[in-house]
C-alpha atoms as a PDB file:
ATOM      1  CA  MET A   1     -58.531 -86.023  96.268  1.00  0.00           C
ATOM      2  CA  THR A   2     -58.591 -87.674  99.665  1.00  0.00           C
ATOM      3  CA  LEU A   3     -59.706 -91.245 100.247  1.00  0.00           C
ATOM      4  CA  PHE A   4     -62.941 -90.101 101.888  1.00  0.00           C
ATOM      5  CA  GLU A   5     -63.795 -87.916  98.891  1.00  0.00           C
ATOM      6  CA  ALA A   6     -63.082 -90.788  96.524  1.00  0.00           C
ATOM      7  CA  LEU A   7     -65.346 -93.146  98.477  1.00  0.00           C
ATOM      8  CA  TYR A   8     -68.253 -90.843  99.296  1.00  0.00           C
ATOM      9  CA  GLY A   9     -68.030 -88.041  96.731  1.00  0.00           C
ATOM     10  CA  ARG A  10     -67.806 -85.272  99.338  1.00  0.00           C
ATOM     11  CA  ARG A  11     -65.379 -83.895 101.907  1.00  0.00           C
ATOM     12  CA  CYS A  12     -65.099 -85.396 105.368  1.00  0.00           C
ATOM     13  CA  ARG A  13     -67.139 -83.335 107.844  1.00  0.00           C
ATOM     14  CA  SER A  14     -65.713 -84.433 111.177  1.00  0.00           C
ATOM     15  CA  GLN A  15     -65.968 -82.095 114.156  1.00  0.00           C
ATOM     16  CA  ILE A  16     -62.218 -81.948 114.469  1.00  0.00           C
ATOM     17  CA  GLY A  17     -60.978 -78.693 113.019  1.00  0.00           C
ATOM     18  CA  TRP A  18     -64.327 -76.889 112.787  1.00  0.00           C
ATOM     19  CA  PHE A  19     -63.094 -74.137 115.076  1.00  0.00           C
ATOM     20  CA  GLU A  20     -60.484 -71.505 114.395  1.00  0.00           C
ATOM     21  CA  VAL A  21     -57.157 -71.577 116.203  1.00  0.00           C
ATOM     22  CA  GLY A  22     -57.945 -68.419 118.204  1.00  0.00           C
ATOM     23  CA  GLU A  23     -61.197 -69.845 119.551  1.00  0.00           C
ATOM     24  CA  VAL A  24     -59.422 -72.417 121.699  1.00  0.00           C
ATOM     25  CA  ALA A  25     -58.203 -69.660 124.007  1.00  0.00           C
ATOM     26  CA  LEU A  26     -61.823 -68.728 124.795  1.00  0.00           C
ATOM     27  CA  ILE A  27     -62.401 -72.021 126.601  1.00  0.00           C
ATOM     28  CA  GLY A  28     -60.694 -71.801 129.943  1.00  0.00           C
ATOM     29  CA  PRO A  29     -61.295 -72.268 133.648  1.00  0.00           C
ATOM     30  CA  LYS A  30     -63.200 -68.991 133.962  1.00  0.00           C
ATOM     31  CA  SER A  31     -65.679 -69.767 131.172  1.00  0.00           C
ATOM     32  CA  ILE A  32     -66.160 -73.310 132.480  1.00  0.00           C
ATOM     33  CA  HIS A  33     -66.858 -71.944 135.961  1.00  0.00           C
ATOM     34  CA  GLU A  34     -69.401 -69.472 134.553  1.00  0.00           C
ATOM     35  CA  ALA A  35     -71.141 -72.258 132.637  1.00  0.00           C
ATOM     36  CA  MET A  36     -71.306 -74.404 135.779  1.00  0.00           C
ATOM     37  CA  GLU A  37     -72.843 -71.518 137.722  1.00  0.00           C
ATOM     38  CA  LYS A  38     -75.510 -71.060 135.038  1.00  0.00           C
ATOM     39  CA  LEU A  39     -76.285 -74.775 135.089  1.00  0.00           C
ATOM     40  CA  GLN A  40     -76.689 -74.685 138.854  1.00  0.00           C
ATOM     41  CA  LEU A  41     -79.093 -71.755 138.532  1.00  0.00           C
ATOM     42  CA  ILE A  42     -81.153 -73.673 135.978  1.00  0.00           C
ATOM     43  CA  ARG A  43     -81.235 -76.756 138.226  1.00  0.00           C
ATOM     44  CA  ASP A  44     -82.384 -74.687 141.192  1.00  0.00           C
ATOM     45  CA  ARG A  45     -85.159 -73.093 139.158  1.00  0.00           C
ATOM     46  CA  LEU A  46     -86.340 -76.471 137.886  1.00  0.00           C
ATOM     47  CA  ARG A  47     -86.484 -77.853 141.423  1.00  0.00           C
ATOM     48  CA  THR A  48     -88.710 -75.005 142.600  1.00  0.00           C
ATOM     49  CA  THR A  49     -91.340 -75.674 139.928  1.00  0.00           C
END
């Protein structure tokens, strides 16, 4: 039993380690660039309204 479990009666649910090891490879320069392009499109559409 870890210290956190002893104190709070449940497992620690931090965001660190919630993803699988293979998922880290999905986040790269290309996916970041695509996300930035989508954000720019959303901003442009909001400005026109």
